[in-house]
Amino acid sequence: MHITLPEKRYYSIGEVAKAFDVNASLIRFWEKEFDVLQPKKNAKGNRKFTPEDIKNLKFIYHLVKERGFTLEGAKTHLKEEKQKSLETFEIINKLEHVKAQLLKIKEQL
């Protein structure tokens, strides 16, 4: 999964939900369920997600939506094998991005 977000320090929940093509309520639900998601809140209570939060959301999305983990299974996986799995996920994500760029270049030739 490749999401497109501009380079910023903080993202609103609307921007994040739109990038992941899910409802904002799902993002709020995952925030309650997964301890790794800790967006900052301003005085009004609006959530501001950091790039680190986005990386964790990508991994959670991958586990739950793409690999079909249950929420409990995803929580367990995050706790037990977080570092190893996250590194593998990031490498795969980068390789998919490179592949997409190469296919785009191939089409232009």
PDB file of N, CA and C in Angstrom:
ATOM      1  N   MET A   1       0.841  -1.175   0.000  1.00  0.00           N
ATOM      2  CA  MET A   1       0.000   0.000   0.000  1.00  0.00           C
ATOM      3  C   MET A   1       0.879   1.228   0.000  1.00  0.00           C
ATOM      4  N   HIS A   2       0.580   2.130  -0.888  1.00  0.00           N
ATOM      5  CA  HIS A   2       1.328   3.383  -0.964  1.00  0.00           C
ATOM      6  C   HIS A   2       0.366   4.531  -0.719  1.00  0.00           C
ATOM      7  N   ILE A   3       0.645   5.302   0.318  1.00  0.00           N
ATOM      8  CA  ILE A   3      -0.191   6.472   0.590  1.00  0.00           C
ATOM      9  C   ILE A   3       0.582   7.720   0.226  1.00  0.00           C
ATOM     10  N   THR A   4      -0.142   8.749  -0.165  1.00  0.00           N
ATOM     11  CA  THR A   4       0.504   9.993  -0.536  1.00  0.00           C
ATOM     12  C   THR A   4       0.110  11.075   0.448  1.00  0.00           C
ATOM     13  N   LEU A   5       1.085  11.495   1.207  1.00  0.00           N
ATOM     14  CA  LEU A   5       0.917  12.594   2.143  1.00  0.00           C
ATOM     15  C   LEU A   5       2.074  13.553   1.936  1.00  0.00           C
ATOM     16  N   PRO A   6       1.830  14.857   1.993  1.00  0.00           N
ATOM     17  CA  PRO A   6       2.936  15.805   1.862  1.00  0.00           C
ATOM     18  C   PRO A   6       3.855  15.719   3.075  1.00  0.00           C
ATOM     19  N   GLU A   7       5.088  16.181   2.905  1.00  0.00           N
ATOM     20  CA  GLU A   7       6.044  16.194   4.016  1.00  0.00           C
ATOM     21  C   GLU A   7       5.638  17.279   5.008  1.00  0.00           C
ATOM     22  N   LYS A   8       5.183  16.862   6.176  1.00  0.00           N
ATOM     23  CA  LYS A   8       4.780  17.790   7.224  1.00  0.00           C
ATOM     24  C   LYS A   8       5.149  17.207   8.575  1.00  0.00           C
ATOM     25  N   ARG A   9       5.136  18.055   9.594  1.00  0.00           N
ATOM     26  CA  ARG A   9       5.390  17.559  10.944  1.00  0.00           C
ATOM     27  C   ARG A   9       4.158  16.900  11.538  1.00  0.00           C
ATOM     28  N   TYR A  10       2.994  17.461  11.229  1.00  0.00           N
ATOM     29  CA  TYR A  10       1.743  16.951  11.796  1.00  0.00           C
ATOM     30  C   TYR A  10       0.682  16.853  10.716  1.00  0.00           C
ATOM     31  N   TYR A  11      -0.156  15.817  10.842  1.00  0.00           N
ATOM     32  CA  TYR A  11      -1.257  15.606   9.914  1.00  0.00           C
ATOM     33  C   TYR A  11      -2.555  15.548  10.708  1.00  0.00           C
ATOM     34  N   SER A  12      -3.605  16.119  10.151  1.00  0.00           N
ATOM     35  CA  SER A  12      -4.912  16.045  10.810  1.00  0.00           C
ATOM     36  C   SER A  12      -5.501  14.662  10.581  1.00  0.00           C
ATOM     37  N   ILE A  13      -6.496  14.336  11.369  1.00  0.00           N
ATOM     38  CA  ILE A  13      -7.129  13.018  11.233  1.00  0.00           C
ATOM     39  C   ILE A  13      -7.836  12.909   9.883  1.00  0.00           C
ATOM     40  N   GLY A  14      -8.343  14.020   9.374  1.00  0.00           N
ATOM     41  CA  GLY A  14      -8.988  14.011   8.061  1.00  0.00           C
ATOM     42  C   GLY A  14      -8.009  13.676   6.950  1.00  0.00           C
ATOM     43  N   GLU A  15      -6.817  14.264   7.014  1.00  0.00           N
ATOM     44  CA  GLU A  15      -5.792  13.974   6.014  1.00  0.00           C
ATOM     45  C   GLU A  15      -5.374  12.505   6.077  1.00  0.00           C
ATOM     46  N   VAL A  16      -5.220  12.002   7.281  1.00  0.00           N
ATOM     47  CA  VAL A  16      -4.796  10.615   7.463  1.00  0.00           C
ATOM     48  C   VAL A  16      -5.878   9.657   6.960  1.00  0.00           C
ATOM     49  N   ALA A  17      -7.122   9.927   7.323  1.00  0.00           N
ATOM     50  CA  ALA A  17      -8.224   9.058   6.899  1.00  0.00           C
ATOM     51  C   ALA A  17      -8.351   9.049   5.373  1.00  0.00           C
ATOM     52  N   LYS A  18      -8.192  10.213   4.760  1.00  0.00           N
ATOM     53  CA  LYS A  18      -8.291  10.306   3.304  1.00  0.00           C
ATOM     54  C   LYS A  18      -7.140   9.548   2.633  1.00  0.00           C
ATOM     55  N   ALA A  19      -5.935   9.669   3.186  1.00  0.00           N
ATOM     56  CA  ALA A  19      -4.773   8.987   2.615  1.00  0.00           C
ATOM     57  C   ALA A  19      -4.928   7.465   2.684  1.00  0.00           C
ATOM     58  N   PHE A  20      -5.501   6.971   3.781  1.00  0.00           N
ATOM     59  CA  PHE A  20      -5.692   5.525   3.942  1.00  0.00           C
ATOM     60  C   PHE A  20      -7.011   5.047   3.347  1.00  0.00           C
ATOM     61  N   ASP A  21      -7.842   5.972   2.889  1.00  0.00           N
ATOM     62  CA  ASP A  21      -9.149   5.667   2.309  1.00  0.00           C
ATOM     63  C   ASP A  21     -10.022   4.895   3.302  1.00  0.00           C
ATOM     64  N   VAL A  22     -10.067   5.395   4.548  1.00  0.00           N
ATOM     65  CA  VAL A  22     -10.907   4.833   5.601  1.00  0.00           C
ATOM     66  C   VAL A  22     -11.626   5.988   6.301  1.00  0.00           C
ATOM     67  N   ASN A  23     -12.586   5.650   7.129  1.00  0.00           N
ATOM     68  CA  ASN A  23     -13.282   6.676   7.902  1.00  0.00           C
ATOM     69  C   ASN A  23     -12.410   7.139   9.064  1.00  0.00           C
ATOM     70  N   ALA A  24     -12.599   8.386   9.470  1.00  0.00           N
ATOM     71  CA  ALA A  24     -11.859   8.924  10.614  1.00  0.00           C
ATOM     72  C   ALA A  24     -12.191   8.139  11.879  1.00  0.00           C
ATOM     73  N   SER A  25     -13.400   7.610  11.951  1.00  0.00           N
ATOM     74  CA  SER A  25     -13.783   6.834  13.134  1.00  0.00           C
ATOM     75  C   SER A  25     -12.926   5.578  13.282  1.00  0.00           C
ATOM     76  N   LEU A  26     -12.501   4.981  12.165  1.00  0.00           N
ATOM     77  CA  LEU A  26     -11.634   3.803  12.238  1.00  0.00           C
ATOM     78  C   LEU A  26     -10.267   4.193  12.802  1.00  0.00           C
ATOM     79  N   ILE A  27      -9.756   5.340  12.396  1.00  0.00           N
ATOM     80  CA  ILE A  27      -8.472   5.813  12.914  1.00  0.00           C
ATOM     81  C   ILE A  27      -8.577   6.056  14.421  1.00  0.00           C
ATOM     82  N   ARG A  28      -9.674   6.682  14.850  1.00  0.00           N
ATOM     83  CA  ARG A  28      -9.879   6.926  16.285  1.00  0.00           C
ATOM     84  C   ARG A  28     -10.000   5.599  17.039  1.00  0.00           C
ATOM     85  N   PHE A  29     -10.688   4.622  16.443  1.00  0.00           N
ATOM     86  CA  PHE A  29     -10.840   3.309  17.069  1.00  0.00           C
ATOM     87  C   PHE A  29      -9.484   2.632  17.226  1.00  0.00           C
ATOM     88  N   TRP A  30      -8.681   2.649  16.164  1.00  0.00           N
ATOM     89  CA  TRP A  30      -7.360   2.040  16.232  1.00  0.00           C
ATOM     90  C   TRP A  30      -6.487   2.747  17.265  1.00  0.00           C
ATOM     91  N   GLU A  31      -6.679   4.051  17.410  1.00  0.00           N
ATOM     92  CA  GLU A  31      -5.915   4.796  18.413  1.00  0.00           C
ATOM     93  C   GLU A  31      -6.208   4.258  19.813  1.00  0.00           C
ATOM     94  N   LYS A  32      -7.463   3.922  20.074  1.00  0.00           N
ATOM     95  CA  LYS A  32      -7.834   3.369  21.380  1.00  0.00           C
ATOM     96  C   LYS A  32      -7.323   1.943  21.561  1.00  0.00           C
ATOM     97  N   GLU A  33      -7.307   1.181  20.483  1.00  0.00           N
ATOM     98  CA  GLU A  33      -6.950  -0.233  20.555  1.00  0.00           C
ATOM     99  C   GLU A  33      -5.444  -0.482  20.595  1.00  0.00           C
ATOM    100  N   PHE A  34      -4.671   0.325  19.899  1.00  0.00           N
ATOM    101  CA  PHE A  34      -3.234   0.090  19.771  1.00  0.00           C
ATOM    102  C   PHE A  34      -2.452   1.151  20.541  1.00  0.00           C
ATOM    103  N   ASP A  35      -1.609   0.692  21.463  1.00  0.00           N
ATOM    104  CA  ASP A  35      -0.830   1.602  22.303  1.00  0.00           C
ATOM    105  C   ASP A  35       0.240   2.367  21.537  1.00  0.00           C
ATOM    106  N   VAL A  36       0.665   1.842  20.399  1.00  0.00           N
ATOM    107  CA  VAL A  36       1.726   2.515  19.642  1.00  0.00           C
ATOM    108  C   VAL A  36       1.240   3.805  18.997  1.00  0.00           C
ATOM    109  N   LEU A  37      -0.056   3.971  18.854  1.00  0.00           N
ATOM    110  CA  LEU A  37      -0.611   5.201  18.282  1.00  0.00           C
ATOM    111  C   LEU A  37      -0.875   6.206  19.397  1.00  0.00           C
ATOM    112  N   GLN A  38      -0.098   7.258  19.402  1.00  0.00           N
ATOM    113  CA  GLN A  38      -0.255   8.295  20.414  1.00  0.00           C
ATOM    114  C   GLN A  38      -0.207   9.668  19.740  1.00  0.00           C
ATOM    115  N   PRO A  39      -1.245  10.031  18.969  1.00  0.00           N
ATOM    116  CA  PRO A  39      -1.200  11.351  18.336  1.00  0.00           C
ATOM    117  C   PRO A  39      -1.309  12.450  19.381  1.00  0.00           C
ATOM    118  N   LYS A  40      -0.680  13.563  19.080  1.00  0.00           N
ATOM    119  CA  LYS A  40      -0.761  14.710  19.973  1.00  0.00           C
ATOM    120  C   LYS A  40      -2.118  15.365  19.785  1.00  0.00           C
ATOM    121  N   LYS A  41      -2.615  16.009  20.825  1.00  0.00           N
ATOM    122  CA  LYS A  41      -3.893  16.715  20.736  1.00  0.00           C
ATOM    123  C   LYS A  41      -3.665  18.170  21.102  1.00  0.00           C
ATOM    124  N   ASN A  42      -4.306  19.071  20.343  1.00  0.00           N
ATOM    125  CA  ASN A  42      -4.178  20.486  20.662  1.00  0.00           C
ATOM    126  C   ASN A  42      -5.213  20.874  21.712  1.00  0.00           C
ATOM    127  N   ALA A  43      -5.321  22.151  22.008  1.00  0.00           N
ATOM    128  CA  ALA A  43      -6.228  22.620  23.060  1.00  0.00           C
ATOM    129  C   ALA A  43      -7.684  22.264  22.760  1.00  0.00           C
ATOM    130  N   LYS A  44      -8.044  22.217  21.500  1.00  0.00           N
ATOM    131  CA  LYS A  44      -9.419  21.865  21.115  1.00  0.00           C
ATOM    132  C   LYS A  44      -9.665  20.360  21.162  1.00  0.00           C
ATOM    133  N   GLY A  45      -8.608  19.591  21.258  1.00  0.00           N
ATOM    134  CA  GLY A  45      -8.754  18.135  21.264  1.00  0.00           C
ATOM    135  C   GLY A  45      -8.567  17.506  19.896  1.00  0.00           C
ATOM    136  N   ASN A  46      -8.181  18.314  18.894  1.00  0.00           N
ATOM    137  CA  ASN A  46      -7.939  17.780  17.551  1.00  0.00           C
ATOM    138  C   ASN A  46      -6.653  16.967  17.551  1.00  0.00           C
ATOM    139  N   ARG A  47      -6.706  15.808  16.917  1.00  0.00           N
ATOM    140  CA  ARG A  47      -5.542  14.939  16.855  1.00  0.00           C
ATOM    141  C   ARG A  47      -4.579  15.429  15.785  1.00  0.00           C
ATOM    142  N   LYS A  48      -3.300  15.363  16.113  1.00  0.00           N
ATOM    143  CA  LYS A  48      -2.238  15.700  15.165  1.00  0.00           C
ATOM    144  C   LYS A  48      -1.274  14.525  15.115  1.00  0.00           C
ATOM    145  N   PHE A  49      -1.245  13.870  13.974  1.00  0.00           N
ATOM    146  CA  PHE A  49      -0.436  12.671  13.795  1.00  0.00           C
ATOM    147  C   PHE A  49       0.950  13.035  13.269  1.00  0.00           C
ATOM    148  N   THR A  50       1.973  12.449  13.867  1.00  0.00           N
ATOM    149  CA  THR A  50       3.350  12.660  13.440  1.00  0.00           C
ATOM    150  C   THR A  50       3.703  11.641  12.355  1.00  0.00           C
ATOM    151  N   PRO A  51       4.807  11.851  11.647  1.00  0.00           N
ATOM    152  CA  PRO A  51       5.239  10.836  10.670  1.00  0.00           C
ATOM    153  C   PRO A  51       5.455   9.458  11.311  1.00  0.00           C
ATOM    154  N   GLU A  52       5.882   9.425  12.565  1.00  0.00           N
ATOM    155  CA  GLU A  52       6.035   8.140  13.270  1.00  0.00           C
ATOM    156  C   GLU A  52       4.677   7.457  13.450  1.00  0.00           C
ATOM    157  N   ASP A  53       3.642   8.246  13.783  1.00  0.00           N
ATOM    158  CA  ASP A  53       2.288   7.705  13.900  1.00  0.00           C
ATOM    159  C   ASP A  53       1.815   7.159  12.556  1.00  0.00           C
ATOM    160  N   ILE A  54       2.142   7.867  11.482  1.00  0.00           N
ATOM    161  CA  ILE A  54       1.743   7.429  10.143  1.00  0.00           C
ATOM    162  C   ILE A  54       2.411   6.092   9.814  1.00  0.00           C
ATOM    163  N   LYS A  55       3.686   5.955  10.171  1.00  0.00           N
ATOM    164  CA  LYS A  55       4.395   4.698   9.930  1.00  0.00           C
ATOM    165  C   LYS A  55       3.731   3.555  10.695  1.00  0.00           C
ATOM    166  N   ASN A  56       3.372   3.803  11.944  1.00  0.00           N
ATOM    167  CA  ASN A  56       2.690   2.775  12.737  1.00  0.00           C
ATOM    168  C   ASN A  56       1.308   2.465  12.166  1.00  0.00           C
ATOM    169  N   LEU A  57       0.600   3.486  11.699  1.00  0.00           N
ATOM    170  CA  LEU A  57      -0.716   3.265  11.080  1.00  0.00           C
ATOM    171  C   LEU A  57      -0.599   2.419   9.816  1.00  0.00           C
ATOM    172  N   LYS A  58       0.435   2.679   9.025  1.00  0.00           N
ATOM    173  CA  LYS A  58       0.651   1.873   7.814  1.00  0.00           C
ATOM    174  C   LYS A  58       0.819   0.407   8.179  1.00  0.00           C
ATOM    175  N   PHE A  59       1.595   0.164   9.240  1.00  0.00           N
ATOM    176  CA  PHE A  59       1.842  -1.216   9.649  1.00  0.00           C
ATOM    177  C   PHE A  59       0.568  -1.863  10.176  1.00  0.00           C
ATOM    178  N   ILE A  60      -0.189  -1.132  10.971  1.00  0.00           N
ATOM    179  CA  ILE A  60      -1.458  -1.656  11.488  1.00  0.00           C
ATOM    180  C   ILE A  60      -2.420  -1.931  10.339  1.00  0.00           C
ATOM    181  N   TYR A  61      -2.509  -1.004   9.397  1.00  0.00           N
ATOM    182  CA  TYR A  61      -3.370  -1.179   8.226  1.00  0.00           C
ATOM    183  C   TYR A  61      -2.952  -2.441   7.467  1.00  0.00           C
ATOM    184  N   HIS A  62      -1.643  -2.610   7.283  1.00  0.00           N
ATOM    185  CA  HIS A  62      -1.129  -3.778   6.576  1.00  0.00           C
ATOM    186  C   HIS A  62      -1.531  -5.072   7.285  1.00  0.00           C
ATOM    187  N   LEU A  63      -1.362  -5.100   8.598  1.00  0.00           N
ATOM    188  CA  LEU A  63      -1.693  -6.315   9.343  1.00  0.00           C
ATOM    189  C   LEU A  63      -3.188  -6.624   9.305  1.00  0.00           C
ATOM    190  N   VAL A  64      -4.013  -5.596   9.549  1.00  0.00           N
ATOM    191  CA  VAL A  64      -5.453  -5.823   9.692  1.00  0.00           C
ATOM    192  C   VAL A  64      -6.156  -5.932   8.334  1.00  0.00           C
ATOM    193  N   LYS A  65      -5.893  -5.004   7.458  1.00  0.00           N
ATOM    194  CA  LYS A  65      -6.647  -4.948   6.192  1.00  0.00           C
ATOM    195  C   LYS A  65      -6.048  -5.822   5.089  1.00  0.00           C
ATOM    196  N   GLU A  66      -4.723  -5.866   5.000  1.00  0.00           N
ATOM    197  CA  GLU A  66      -4.106  -6.591   3.895  1.00  0.00           C
ATOM    198  C   GLU A  66      -3.793  -8.044   4.236  1.00  0.00           C
ATOM    199  N   ARG A  67      -3.343  -8.296   5.461  1.00  0.00           N
ATOM    200  CA  ARG A  67      -2.996  -9.664   5.843  1.00  0.00           C
ATOM    201  C   ARG A  67      -4.117 -10.373   6.573  1.00  0.00           C
ATOM    202  N   GLY A  68      -5.158  -9.646   6.975  1.00  0.00           N
ATOM    203  CA  GLY A  68      -6.333 -10.265   7.569  1.00  0.00           C
ATOM    204  C   GLY A  68      -6.206 -10.642   9.034  1.00  0.00           C
ATOM    205  N   PHE A  69      -5.303  -9.991   9.756  1.00  0.00           N
ATOM    206  CA  PHE A  69      -5.168 -10.252  11.186  1.00  0.00           C
ATOM    207  C   PHE A  69      -6.402  -9.749  11.920  1.00  0.00           C
ATOM    208  N   THR A  70      -6.767 -10.412  12.998  1.00  0.00           N
ATOM    209  CA  THR A  70      -7.778  -9.858  13.900  1.00  0.00           C
ATOM    210  C   THR A  70      -7.094  -8.755  14.707  1.00  0.00           C
ATOM    211  N   LEU A  71      -7.880  -7.938  15.390  1.00  0.00           N
ATOM    212  CA  LEU A  71      -7.283  -6.877  16.199  1.00  0.00           C
ATOM    213  C   LEU A  71      -6.396  -7.454  17.295  1.00  0.00           C
ATOM    214  N   GLU A  72      -6.864  -8.519  17.928  1.00  0.00           N
ATOM    215  CA  GLU A  72      -6.056  -9.153  18.979  1.00  0.00           C
ATOM    216  C   GLU A  72      -4.772  -9.741  18.390  1.00  0.00           C
ATOM    217  N   GLY A  73      -4.894 -10.357  17.235  1.00  0.00           N
ATOM    218  CA  GLY A  73      -3.715 -10.915  16.580  1.00  0.00           C
ATOM    219  C   GLY A  73      -2.711  -9.842  16.194  1.00  0.00           C
ATOM    220  N   ALA A  74      -3.212  -8.718  15.699  1.00  0.00           N
ATOM    221  CA  ALA A  74      -2.334  -7.607  15.332  1.00  0.00           C
ATOM    222  C   ALA A  74      -1.655  -7.017  16.565  1.00  0.00           C
ATOM    223  N   LYS A  75      -2.393  -6.905  17.669  1.00  0.00           N
ATOM    224  CA  LYS A  75      -1.799  -6.399  18.914  1.00  0.00           C
ATOM    225  C   LYS A  75      -0.680  -7.314  19.384  1.00  0.00           C
ATOM    226  N   THR A  76      -0.946  -8.609  19.370  1.00  0.00           N
ATOM    227  CA  THR A  76       0.054  -9.588  19.792  1.00  0.00           C
ATOM    228  C   THR A  76       1.278  -9.520  18.893  1.00  0.00           C
ATOM    229  N   HIS A  77       1.040  -9.448  17.595  1.00  0.00           N
ATOM    230  CA  HIS A  77       2.138  -9.389  16.630  1.00  0.00           C
ATOM    231  C   HIS A  77       2.978  -8.138  16.865  1.00  0.00           C
ATOM    232  N   LEU A  78       2.336  -7.022  17.121  1.00  0.00           N
ATOM    233  CA  LEU A  78       3.057  -5.775  17.376  1.00  0.00           C
ATOM    234  C   LEU A  78       3.909  -5.873  18.639  1.00  0.00           C
ATOM    235  N   LYS A  79       3.384  -6.484  19.669  1.00  0.00           N
ATOM    236  CA  LYS A  79       4.123  -6.586  20.927  1.00  0.00           C
ATOM    237  C   LYS A  79       5.302  -7.547  20.821  1.00  0.00           C
ATOM    238  N   GLU A  80       5.084  -8.695  20.195  1.00  0.00           N
ATOM    239  CA  GLU A  80       6.103  -9.742  20.179  1.00  0.00           C
ATOM    240  C   GLU A  80       7.191  -9.521  19.136  1.00  0.00           C
ATOM    241  N   GLU A  81       6.790  -9.107  17.949  1.00  0.00           N
ATOM    242  CA  GLU A  81       7.756  -9.049  16.849  1.00  0.00           C
ATOM    243  C   GLU A  81       7.788  -7.686  16.189  1.00  0.00           C
ATOM    244  N   LYS A  82       7.545  -6.639  16.948  1.00  0.00           N
ATOM    245  CA  LYS A  82       7.409  -5.314  16.351  1.00  0.00           C
ATOM    246  C   LYS A  82       8.627  -4.901  15.550  1.00  0.00           C
ATOM    247  N   GLN A  83       9.808  -4.917  16.141  1.00  0.00           N
ATOM    248  CA  GLN A  83      10.995  -4.395  15.465  1.00  0.00           C
ATOM    249  C   GLN A  83      11.312  -5.174  14.198  1.00  0.00           C
ATOM    250  N   LYS A  84      11.332  -6.487  14.284  1.00  0.00           N
ATOM    251  CA  LYS A  84      11.660  -7.321  13.130  1.00  0.00           C
ATOM    252  C   LYS A  84      10.618  -7.153  12.025  1.00  0.00           C
ATOM    253  N   SER A  85       9.357  -7.214  12.382  1.00  0.00           N
ATOM    254  CA  SER A  85       8.287  -7.107  11.392  1.00  0.00           C
ATOM    255  C   SER A  85       8.223  -5.723  10.779  1.00  0.00           C
ATOM    256  N   LEU A  86       8.441  -4.699  11.585  1.00  0.00           N
ATOM    257  CA  LEU A  86       8.380  -3.328  11.089  1.00  0.00           C
ATOM    258  C   LEU A  86       9.508  -3.067  10.096  1.00  0.00           C
ATOM    259  N   GLU A  87      10.699  -3.580  10.387  1.00  0.00           N
ATOM    260  CA  GLU A  87      11.818  -3.415   9.465  1.00  0.00           C
ATOM    261  C   GLU A  87      11.531  -4.122   8.139  1.00  0.00           C
ATOM    262  N   THR A  88      11.018  -5.328   8.216  1.00  0.00           N
ATOM    263  CA  THR A  88      10.678  -6.080   7.010  1.00  0.00           C
ATOM    264  C   THR A  88       9.601  -5.358   6.211  1.00  0.00           C
ATOM    265  N   PHE A  89       8.591  -4.849   6.907  1.00  0.00           N
ATOM    266  CA  PHE A  89       7.511  -4.123   6.247  1.00  0.00           C
ATOM    267  C   PHE A  89       8.034  -2.883   5.547  1.00  0.00           C
ATOM    268  N   GLU A  90       8.930  -2.144   6.187  1.00  0.00           N
ATOM    269  CA  GLU A  90       9.488  -0.933   5.585  1.00  0.00           C
ATOM    270  C   GLU A  90      10.304  -1.261   4.339  1.00  0.00           C
ATOM    271  N   ILE A  91      11.076  -2.335   4.390  1.00  0.00           N
ATOM    272  CA  ILE A  91      11.865  -2.740   3.225  1.00  0.00           C
ATOM    273  C   ILE A  91      10.951  -3.115   2.072  1.00  0.00           C
ATOM    274  N   ILE A  92       9.915  -3.889   2.354  1.00  0.00           N
ATOM    275  CA  ILE A  92       8.961  -4.280   1.311  1.00  0.00           C
ATOM    276  C   ILE A  92       8.268  -3.058   0.734  1.00  0.00           C
ATOM    277  N   ASN A  93       7.909  -2.127   1.585  1.00  0.00           N
ATOM    278  CA  ASN A  93       7.249  -0.898   1.148  1.00  0.00           C
ATOM    279  C   ASN A  93       8.153  -0.105   0.198  1.00  0.00           C
ATOM    280  N   LYS A  94       9.421   0.019   0.549  1.00  0.00           N
ATOM    281  CA  LYS A  94      10.371   0.740  -0.309  1.00  0.00           C
ATOM    282  C   LYS A  94      10.556   0.031  -1.636  1.00  0.00           C
ATOM    283  N   LEU A  95      10.644  -1.297  -1.601  1.00  0.00           N
ATOM    284  CA  LEU A  95      10.803  -2.056  -2.839  1.00  0.00           C
ATOM    285  C   LEU A  95       9.588  -1.918  -3.752  1.00  0.00           C
ATOM    286  N   GLU A  96       8.394  -1.903  -3.173  1.00  0.00           N
ATOM    287  CA  GLU A  96       7.182  -1.711  -3.981  1.00  0.00           C
ATOM    288  C   GLU A  96       7.173  -0.324  -4.610  1.00  0.00           C
ATOM    289  N   HIS A  97       7.661   0.652  -3.883  1.00  0.00           N
ATOM    290  CA  HIS A  97       7.728   2.021  -4.419  1.00  0.00           C
ATOM    291  C   HIS A  97       8.722   2.080  -5.584  1.00  0.00           C
ATOM    292  N   VAL A  98       9.877   1.432  -5.438  1.00  0.00           N
ATOM    293  CA  VAL A  98      10.872   1.386  -6.509  1.00  0.00           C
ATOM    294  C   VAL A  98      10.301   0.670  -7.722  1.00  0.00           C
ATOM    295  N   LYS A  99       9.594  -0.429  -7.491  1.00  0.00           N
ATOM    296  CA  LYS A  99       8.984  -1.186  -8.591  1.00  0.00           C
ATOM    297  C   LYS A  99       7.991  -0.313  -9.354  1.00  0.00           C
ATOM    298  N   ALA A 100       7.180   0.435  -8.623  1.00  0.00           N
ATOM    299  CA  ALA A 100       6.200   1.315  -9.273  1.00  0.00           C
ATOM    300  C   ALA A 100       6.904   2.380 -10.117  1.00  0.00           C
ATOM    301  N   GLN A 101       7.997   2.920  -9.603  1.00  0.00           N
ATOM    302  CA  GLN A 101       8.746   3.919 -10.371  1.00  0.00           C
ATOM    303  C   GLN A 101       9.364   3.306 -11.619  1.00  0.00           C
ATOM    304  N   LEU A 102       9.898   2.097 -11.488  1.00  0.00           N
ATOM    305  CA  LEU A 102      10.494   1.427 -12.648  1.00  0.00           C
ATOM    306  C   LEU A 102       9.445   1.110 -13.710  1.00  0.00           C
ATOM    307  N   LEU A 103       8.268   0.675 -13.285  1.00  0.00           N
ATOM    308  CA  LEU A 103       7.193   0.407 -14.250  1.00  0.00           C
ATOM    309  C   LEU A 103       6.758   1.691 -14.945  1.00  0.00           C
ATOM    310  N   LYS A 104       6.739   2.773 -14.227  1.00  0.00           N
ATOM    311  CA  LYS A 104       6.385   4.069 -14.812  1.00  0.00           C
ATOM    312  C   LYS A 104       7.418   4.479 -15.860  1.00  0.00           C
ATOM    313  N   ILE A 105       8.701   4.268 -15.546  1.00  0.00           N
ATOM    314  CA  ILE A 105       9.763   4.581 -16.500  1.00  0.00           C
ATOM    315  C   ILE A 105       9.646   3.673 -17.733  1.00  0.00           C
ATOM    316  N   LYS A 106       9.355   2.416 -17.529  1.00  0.00           N
ATOM    317  CA  LYS A 106       9.200   1.463 -18.635  1.00  0.00           C
ATOM    318  C   LYS A 106       8.086   1.900 -19.586  1.00  0.00           C
ATOM    319  N   GLU A 107       6.983   2.390 -19.031  1.00  0.00           N
ATOM    320  CA  GLU A 107       5.872   2.852 -19.864  1.00  0.00           C
ATOM    321  C   GLU A 107       6.265   4.057 -20.701  1.00  0.00           C
ATOM    322  N   GLN A 108       7.140   4.880 -20.162  1.00  0.00           N
ATOM    323  CA  GLN A 108       7.552   6.093 -20.883  1.00  0.00           C
ATOM    324  C   GLN A 108       8.515   5.786 -22.028  1.00  0.00           C
ATOM    325  N   LEU A 109       9.155   4.639 -21.967  1.00  0.00           N
ATOM    326  CA  LEU A 109      10.125   4.284 -23.030  1.00  0.00           C
ATOM    327  C   LEU A 109       9.471   3.820 -24.296  1.00  0.00           C
TER     328      LEU A 109
END
